[in-house]
């Protein structure tokens, strides 16, 4: 497992899970305070234009929280993740996996949960459960 002390989750997410031709723009937006929300909003409806489909292990909206949690635990030993979110109160925070459902999943706007070997993207919720995308190295 990677050492986490100086681990740059946003850089890791962009380098490993975003298609090459979208990386530079997304990096610019996430690092620029006035553009950050624009970068996050790209995952509301256009997630498939940005993610590297070769890393995709699940996409859909019909997965229960219990099954999603099992998928996370099966694919990583980590019990916390870094969050990029449309919601500023949780954006750039580390959150325990068991708290994701109460604090991140289902809020309605795009959120990206990043571990050191995988990521979970939840798109904007319009009607019914939001689309979720699980990516793994």
N, C-alpha and C. Protein backbone atom coordinates (compact mmCIF):
# COMPACT_ATOMS: atom_id res chain seq x y z
N UNK A 1 0.84 -1.18 0.00
CA UNK A 1 0.00 0.00 0.00
C UNK A 1 0.88 1.25 0.00
N UNK A 2 0.43 2.29 -0.67
CA UNK A 2 1.19 3.53 -0.73
C UNK A 2 1.21 4.24 0.62
N UNK A 3 2.28 4.98 0.86
CA UNK A 3 2.31 5.86 2.02
C UNK A 3 1.40 7.03 1.73
N UNK A 4 0.66 7.46 2.70
CA UNK A 4 -0.37 8.46 2.45
C UNK A 4 0.03 9.87 2.88
N UNK A 5 1.04 10.03 3.72
CA UNK A 5 1.36 11.33 4.28
C UNK A 5 1.45 12.45 3.25
N UNK A 6 2.17 12.24 2.17
CA UNK A 6 2.34 13.27 1.16
C UNK A 6 1.68 12.88 -0.16
N UNK A 7 0.70 12.06 -0.08
CA UNK A 7 0.03 11.55 -1.28
C UNK A 7 -0.92 12.61 -1.83
N UNK A 8 -0.79 12.92 -3.11
CA UNK A 8 -1.67 13.90 -3.74
C UNK A 8 -2.80 13.15 -4.45
N UNK A 9 -3.93 13.06 -3.79
CA UNK A 9 -5.07 12.29 -4.29
C UNK A 9 -5.61 12.85 -5.60
N UNK A 10 -5.69 14.16 -5.71
CA UNK A 10 -6.25 14.75 -6.92
C UNK A 10 -5.35 14.47 -8.12
N UNK A 11 -4.06 14.62 -7.95
CA UNK A 11 -3.12 14.31 -9.03
C UNK A 11 -3.22 12.82 -9.41
N UNK A 12 -3.26 11.96 -8.41
CA UNK A 12 -3.39 10.52 -8.65
C UNK A 12 -4.65 10.20 -9.45
N UNK A 13 -5.78 10.77 -9.05
CA UNK A 13 -7.06 10.53 -9.73
C UNK A 13 -6.96 10.95 -11.20
N UNK A 14 -6.44 12.13 -11.44
CA UNK A 14 -6.33 12.63 -12.80
C UNK A 14 -5.39 11.76 -13.64
N UNK A 15 -4.23 11.43 -13.10
CA UNK A 15 -3.24 10.65 -13.83
C UNK A 15 -3.69 9.23 -14.16
N UNK A 16 -4.44 8.62 -13.26
CA UNK A 16 -4.75 7.20 -13.42
C UNK A 16 -6.16 6.88 -13.88
N UNK A 17 -7.10 7.80 -13.71
CA UNK A 17 -8.49 7.47 -14.02
C UNK A 17 -9.15 8.38 -15.04
N UNK A 18 -8.46 9.42 -15.46
CA UNK A 18 -9.01 10.36 -16.44
C UNK A 18 -8.32 10.14 -17.79
N UNK A 19 -9.11 10.19 -18.88
CA UNK A 19 -8.53 10.00 -20.21
C UNK A 19 -7.51 11.11 -20.49
N UNK A 20 -6.50 10.76 -21.23
CA UNK A 20 -5.35 11.62 -21.44
C UNK A 20 -5.71 13.01 -21.97
N UNK A 21 -6.63 13.09 -22.93
CA UNK A 21 -6.93 14.38 -23.55
C UNK A 21 -7.77 15.31 -22.67
N UNK A 22 -8.18 14.86 -21.48
CA UNK A 22 -8.97 15.70 -20.56
C UNK A 22 -8.18 16.07 -19.30
N UNK A 23 -7.01 15.49 -19.11
CA UNK A 23 -6.27 15.65 -17.86
C UNK A 23 -5.85 17.09 -17.57
N UNK A 24 -5.23 17.72 -18.55
CA UNK A 24 -4.68 19.06 -18.31
C UNK A 24 -5.75 20.06 -17.93
N UNK A 25 -6.86 20.04 -18.65
CA UNK A 25 -7.96 20.98 -18.35
C UNK A 25 -8.54 20.71 -16.97
N UNK A 26 -8.77 19.44 -16.65
CA UNK A 26 -9.34 19.10 -15.35
C UNK A 26 -8.37 19.49 -14.23
N UNK A 27 -7.09 19.24 -14.42
CA UNK A 27 -6.09 19.62 -13.42
C UNK A 27 -6.14 21.14 -13.19
N UNK A 28 -6.16 21.90 -14.28
CA UNK A 28 -6.23 23.36 -14.18
C UNK A 28 -7.47 23.79 -13.39
N UNK A 29 -8.61 23.20 -13.70
CA UNK A 29 -9.85 23.60 -13.03
C UNK A 29 -9.85 23.23 -11.55
N UNK A 30 -9.39 22.04 -11.22
CA UNK A 30 -9.40 21.63 -9.82
C UNK A 30 -8.43 22.44 -8.97
N UNK A 31 -7.33 22.88 -9.56
CA UNK A 31 -6.34 23.66 -8.80
C UNK A 31 -6.67 25.15 -8.73
N UNK A 32 -7.54 25.62 -9.60
CA UNK A 32 -7.91 27.02 -9.65
C UNK A 32 -9.20 27.22 -8.86
N UNK A 33 -9.12 27.97 -7.77
CA UNK A 33 -10.29 28.14 -6.90
C UNK A 33 -11.53 28.66 -7.63
N UNK A 34 -11.33 29.57 -8.58
CA UNK A 34 -12.49 30.13 -9.28
C UNK A 34 -13.07 29.17 -10.32
N UNK A 35 -12.33 28.12 -10.68
CA UNK A 35 -12.79 27.14 -11.68
C UNK A 35 -13.10 25.76 -11.08
N UNK A 36 -12.79 25.57 -9.81
CA UNK A 36 -12.91 24.25 -9.18
C UNK A 36 -14.31 23.66 -9.35
N UNK A 37 -15.33 24.44 -9.10
CA UNK A 37 -16.70 23.94 -9.23
C UNK A 37 -17.01 23.52 -10.67
N UNK A 38 -16.44 24.23 -11.63
CA UNK A 38 -16.62 23.85 -13.04
C UNK A 38 -16.03 22.47 -13.30
N UNK A 39 -14.85 22.23 -12.76
CA UNK A 39 -14.20 20.94 -12.93
C UNK A 39 -15.00 19.81 -12.30
N UNK A 40 -15.49 20.04 -11.10
CA UNK A 40 -16.30 19.03 -10.41
C UNK A 40 -17.61 18.80 -11.16
N UNK A 41 -18.20 19.87 -11.65
CA UNK A 41 -19.49 19.77 -12.37
C UNK A 41 -19.40 18.92 -13.64
N UNK A 42 -18.22 18.77 -14.18
CA UNK A 42 -18.06 17.94 -15.38
C UNK A 42 -18.50 16.49 -15.12
N UNK A 43 -18.51 16.09 -13.86
CA UNK A 43 -18.90 14.73 -13.50
C UNK A 43 -20.40 14.62 -13.21
N UNK A 44 -21.13 15.70 -13.32
CA UNK A 44 -22.58 15.64 -13.12
C UNK A 44 -23.25 14.80 -14.21
N UNK A 45 -22.93 15.10 -15.47
CA UNK A 45 -23.59 14.42 -16.59
C UNK A 45 -22.62 13.86 -17.62
N UNK A 46 -21.35 14.26 -17.55
CA UNK A 46 -20.40 13.87 -18.58
C UNK A 46 -19.31 12.93 -18.09
N UNK A 47 -19.58 12.19 -17.05
CA UNK A 47 -18.55 11.33 -16.46
C UNK A 47 -17.87 10.42 -17.47
N UNK A 48 -18.64 9.80 -18.35
CA UNK A 48 -18.07 8.84 -19.29
C UNK A 48 -17.12 9.50 -20.30
N UNK A 49 -17.24 10.81 -20.49
CA UNK A 49 -16.32 11.52 -21.39
C UNK A 49 -14.95 11.70 -20.73
N UNK A 50 -14.90 11.58 -19.42
CA UNK A 50 -13.69 11.88 -18.67
C UNK A 50 -12.96 10.66 -18.14
N UNK A 51 -13.69 9.64 -17.72
CA UNK A 51 -13.03 8.50 -17.08
C UNK A 51 -12.46 7.52 -18.09
N UNK A 52 -11.38 6.87 -17.69
CA UNK A 52 -10.74 5.84 -18.50
C UNK A 52 -11.54 4.56 -18.32
N UNK A 53 -12.30 4.20 -19.32
CA UNK A 53 -13.20 3.04 -19.23
C UNK A 53 -12.47 1.73 -18.98
N UNK A 54 -11.18 1.68 -19.28
CA UNK A 54 -10.41 0.46 -19.02
C UNK A 54 -10.27 0.19 -17.53
N UNK A 55 -10.46 1.20 -16.71
CA UNK A 55 -10.33 1.06 -15.26
C UNK A 55 -11.69 0.86 -14.58
N UNK A 56 -12.75 0.92 -15.35
CA UNK A 56 -14.11 0.85 -14.81
C UNK A 56 -14.45 -0.59 -14.42
N UNK A 57 -14.83 -0.79 -13.15
CA UNK A 57 -15.26 -2.12 -12.72
C UNK A 57 -16.75 -2.17 -12.41
N UNK A 58 -17.39 -1.01 -12.31
CA UNK A 58 -18.84 -0.96 -12.13
C UNK A 58 -19.35 0.39 -12.59
N UNK A 59 -20.49 0.39 -13.26
CA UNK A 59 -21.24 1.63 -13.52
C UNK A 59 -22.71 1.28 -13.46
N UNK A 60 -23.46 2.10 -12.79
CA UNK A 60 -24.89 1.89 -12.67
C UNK A 60 -25.46 2.68 -11.51
N UNK A 61 -26.76 2.61 -11.38
CA UNK A 61 -27.43 3.35 -10.30
C UNK A 61 -28.19 2.42 -9.37
N UNK A 62 -28.14 1.13 -9.65
CA UNK A 62 -28.97 0.19 -8.91
C UNK A 62 -28.24 -0.59 -7.82
N UNK A 63 -27.09 -0.11 -7.38
CA UNK A 63 -26.32 -0.81 -6.36
C UNK A 63 -26.70 -0.30 -4.97
N UNK A 64 -26.91 -1.21 -4.05
CA UNK A 64 -27.25 -0.82 -2.67
C UNK A 64 -25.99 -0.33 -1.96
N UNK A 65 -26.18 0.41 -0.88
CA UNK A 65 -25.05 0.90 -0.10
C UNK A 65 -24.23 -0.29 0.42
N UNK A 66 -24.88 -1.33 0.89
CA UNK A 66 -24.17 -2.50 1.41
C UNK A 66 -23.30 -3.14 0.33
N UNK A 67 -23.83 -3.30 -0.87
CA UNK A 67 -23.05 -3.89 -1.96
C UNK A 67 -21.92 -2.97 -2.42
N UNK A 68 -22.17 -1.68 -2.41
CA UNK A 68 -21.12 -0.72 -2.77
C UNK A 68 -19.99 -0.77 -1.74
N UNK A 69 -20.35 -0.83 -0.47
CA UNK A 69 -19.36 -0.92 0.60
C UNK A 69 -18.55 -2.22 0.46
N UNK A 70 -19.21 -3.33 0.15
CA UNK A 70 -18.51 -4.60 -0.06
C UNK A 70 -17.53 -4.48 -1.22
N UNK A 71 -17.95 -3.79 -2.30
CA UNK A 71 -17.08 -3.61 -3.45
C UNK A 71 -15.83 -2.80 -3.07
N UNK A 72 -16.03 -1.76 -2.27
CA UNK A 72 -14.91 -0.94 -1.80
C UNK A 72 -13.96 -1.81 -0.97
N UNK A 73 -14.51 -2.53 0.01
CA UNK A 73 -13.67 -3.35 0.89
C UNK A 73 -12.97 -4.47 0.14
N UNK A 74 -13.58 -4.98 -0.91
CA UNK A 74 -12.96 -6.04 -1.71
C UNK A 74 -11.77 -5.51 -2.52
N UNK A 75 -11.83 -4.25 -2.92
CA UNK A 75 -10.82 -3.69 -3.82
C UNK A 75 -9.76 -2.82 -3.16
N UNK A 76 -9.90 -2.54 -1.88
CA UNK A 76 -8.88 -1.75 -1.18
C UNK A 76 -8.88 -2.11 0.30
N UNK A 77 -7.71 -1.97 0.91
CA UNK A 77 -7.58 -2.18 2.35
C UNK A 77 -7.84 -0.90 3.13
N UNK A 78 -7.93 0.20 2.43
CA UNK A 78 -8.10 1.49 3.09
C UNK A 78 -9.51 1.64 3.65
N UNK A 79 -9.60 2.36 4.74
CA UNK A 79 -10.90 2.59 5.38
C UNK A 79 -11.27 4.07 5.41
N UNK A 80 -10.46 4.88 4.70
CA UNK A 80 -10.74 6.30 4.52
C UNK A 80 -10.46 6.65 3.07
N UNK A 81 -11.12 7.70 2.60
CA UNK A 81 -10.85 8.17 1.24
C UNK A 81 -10.85 9.69 1.23
N UNK A 82 -10.25 10.22 0.19
CA UNK A 82 -10.20 11.66 -0.04
C UNK A 82 -11.41 12.02 -0.90
N UNK A 83 -12.08 13.10 -0.57
CA UNK A 83 -13.30 13.48 -1.29
C UNK A 83 -13.12 14.79 -2.04
N UNK A 84 -13.49 14.75 -3.32
CA UNK A 84 -13.65 15.95 -4.13
C UNK A 84 -15.16 16.08 -4.30
N UNK A 85 -15.71 17.21 -3.92
CA UNK A 85 -17.17 17.30 -3.96
C UNK A 85 -17.66 18.69 -4.34
N UNK A 86 -18.82 18.69 -4.93
CA UNK A 86 -19.55 19.91 -5.25
C UNK A 86 -19.88 20.67 -3.95
N UNK A 87 -19.94 19.93 -2.85
CA UNK A 87 -20.29 20.51 -1.54
C UNK A 87 -19.02 20.88 -0.79
N UNK A 88 -18.82 22.18 -0.58
CA UNK A 88 -17.57 22.69 -0.02
C UNK A 88 -17.28 22.17 1.37
N UNK A 89 -18.30 21.85 2.16
CA UNK A 89 -18.04 21.39 3.52
C UNK A 89 -17.38 20.02 3.57
N UNK A 90 -17.48 19.23 2.50
CA UNK A 90 -16.81 17.93 2.47
C UNK A 90 -15.70 17.87 1.41
N UNK A 91 -15.63 18.88 0.56
CA UNK A 91 -14.60 18.91 -0.48
C UNK A 91 -13.22 18.98 0.18
N UNK A 92 -12.28 18.18 -0.36
CA UNK A 92 -10.89 18.13 0.13
C UNK A 92 -10.78 17.58 1.55
N UNK A 93 -11.67 16.70 1.92
CA UNK A 93 -11.59 16.09 3.25
C UNK A 93 -11.35 14.59 3.13
N UNK A 94 -10.84 13.99 4.20
CA UNK A 94 -10.72 12.55 4.32
C UNK A 94 -11.94 12.07 5.11
N UNK A 95 -12.62 11.06 4.57
CA UNK A 95 -13.84 10.55 5.22
C UNK A 95 -13.75 9.03 5.31
N UNK A 96 -14.17 8.50 6.44
CA UNK A 96 -14.18 7.05 6.64
C UNK A 96 -15.21 6.41 5.71
N UNK A 97 -14.89 5.21 5.23
CA UNK A 97 -15.80 4.50 4.33
C UNK A 97 -17.18 4.34 4.98
N UNK A 98 -17.22 3.98 6.26
CA UNK A 98 -18.52 3.77 6.90
C UNK A 98 -19.36 5.04 7.02
N UNK A 99 -18.72 6.21 6.85
CA UNK A 99 -19.44 7.49 6.92
C UNK A 99 -19.84 8.02 5.54
N UNK A 100 -19.39 7.36 4.47
CA UNK A 100 -19.68 7.87 3.12
C UNK A 100 -21.17 7.98 2.84
N UNK A 101 -21.94 6.99 3.26
CA UNK A 101 -23.37 7.02 2.96
C UNK A 101 -24.06 8.20 3.64
N UNK A 102 -23.68 8.49 4.86
CA UNK A 102 -24.31 9.59 5.60
C UNK A 102 -23.79 10.96 5.20
N UNK A 103 -22.53 11.02 4.73
CA UNK A 103 -21.91 12.32 4.49
C UNK A 103 -21.69 12.67 3.03
N UNK A 104 -21.67 11.67 2.12
CA UNK A 104 -21.32 11.96 0.72
C UNK A 104 -22.33 11.37 -0.27
N UNK A 105 -22.55 10.07 -0.21
CA UNK A 105 -23.42 9.37 -1.16
C UNK A 105 -24.85 9.89 -1.07
N UNK A 106 -25.42 10.22 -2.22
CA UNK A 106 -26.82 10.62 -2.27
C UNK A 106 -27.11 12.08 -1.98
N UNK A 107 -26.09 12.93 -1.95
CA UNK A 107 -26.32 14.35 -1.68
C UNK A 107 -26.96 15.07 -2.86
N UNK A 108 -26.78 14.54 -4.05
CA UNK A 108 -27.41 15.14 -5.22
C UNK A 108 -26.44 15.71 -6.24
N UNK A 109 -25.30 16.21 -5.79
CA UNK A 109 -24.29 16.75 -6.70
C UNK A 109 -23.14 15.78 -6.88
N UNK A 110 -22.28 16.08 -7.82
CA UNK A 110 -21.16 15.19 -8.10
C UNK A 110 -20.18 15.13 -6.94
N UNK A 111 -19.71 13.92 -6.65
CA UNK A 111 -18.66 13.70 -5.66
C UNK A 111 -17.74 12.60 -6.15
N UNK A 112 -16.47 12.74 -5.84
CA UNK A 112 -15.47 11.76 -6.23
C UNK A 112 -14.75 11.33 -4.96
N UNK A 113 -14.74 10.03 -4.70
CA UNK A 113 -14.09 9.49 -3.53
C UNK A 113 -12.85 8.72 -4.00
N UNK A 114 -11.69 9.13 -3.51
CA UNK A 114 -10.43 8.60 -4.05
C UNK A 114 -9.65 7.84 -2.97
N UNK A 115 -9.28 6.62 -3.31
CA UNK A 115 -8.40 5.80 -2.48
C UNK A 115 -7.07 5.74 -3.21
N UNK A 116 -6.06 5.08 -2.66
CA UNK A 116 -4.77 5.04 -3.34
C UNK A 116 -4.70 4.00 -4.45
N UNK A 117 -5.76 3.25 -4.69
CA UNK A 117 -5.76 2.30 -5.80
C UNK A 117 -7.10 2.25 -6.53
N UNK A 118 -8.03 3.07 -6.12
CA UNK A 118 -9.36 3.06 -6.76
C UNK A 118 -10.06 4.39 -6.52
N UNK A 119 -11.17 4.58 -7.21
CA UNK A 119 -11.98 5.78 -7.05
C UNK A 119 -13.45 5.44 -7.28
N UNK A 120 -14.31 6.19 -6.65
CA UNK A 120 -15.75 6.07 -6.81
C UNK A 120 -16.26 7.44 -7.19
N UNK A 121 -16.96 7.52 -8.32
CA UNK A 121 -17.53 8.78 -8.78
C UNK A 121 -19.05 8.65 -8.70
N UNK A 122 -19.67 9.62 -8.04
CA UNK A 122 -21.13 9.66 -8.03
C UNK A 122 -21.55 10.91 -8.79
N UNK A 123 -22.35 10.72 -9.83
CA UNK A 123 -22.81 11.82 -10.66
C UNK A 123 -23.98 12.54 -9.97
N UNK A 124 -24.39 13.64 -10.58
CA UNK A 124 -25.53 14.38 -10.05
C UNK A 124 -26.79 13.52 -10.09
N UNK A 125 -27.56 13.61 -9.04
CA UNK A 125 -28.81 12.87 -8.96
C UNK A 125 -29.92 13.73 -9.56
N UNK A 126 -30.59 13.18 -10.56
CA UNK A 126 -31.69 13.92 -11.19
C UNK A 126 -33.01 13.28 -10.81
N UNK A 127 -33.14 12.00 -11.10
CA UNK A 127 -34.35 11.26 -10.76
C UNK A 127 -33.92 9.85 -10.39
N UNK A 128 -34.39 9.37 -9.25
CA UNK A 128 -33.95 8.06 -8.78
C UNK A 128 -32.51 8.14 -8.28
N UNK A 129 -31.90 6.98 -8.03
CA UNK A 129 -30.52 6.98 -7.53
C UNK A 129 -29.55 7.51 -8.58
N UNK A 130 -28.51 8.18 -8.12
CA UNK A 130 -27.49 8.74 -9.01
C UNK A 130 -26.62 7.63 -9.60
N UNK A 131 -26.08 7.89 -10.78
CA UNK A 131 -25.12 6.95 -11.39
C UNK A 131 -23.84 6.94 -10.56
N UNK A 132 -23.29 5.75 -10.40
CA UNK A 132 -22.04 5.56 -9.70
C UNK A 132 -21.08 4.83 -10.62
N UNK A 133 -19.81 5.22 -10.54
CA UNK A 133 -18.76 4.62 -11.35
C UNK A 133 -17.63 4.23 -10.41
N UNK A 134 -17.25 2.97 -10.41
CA UNK A 134 -16.16 2.49 -9.58
C UNK A 134 -15.00 2.16 -10.52
N UNK A 135 -13.84 2.77 -10.23
CA UNK A 135 -12.65 2.59 -11.04
C UNK A 135 -11.54 1.99 -10.18
N UNK A 136 -10.74 1.11 -10.79
CA UNK A 136 -9.66 0.48 -10.04
C UNK A 136 -8.44 0.33 -10.94
N UNK A 137 -7.27 0.47 -10.34
CA UNK A 137 -6.02 0.25 -11.07
C UNK A 137 -5.89 -1.21 -11.44
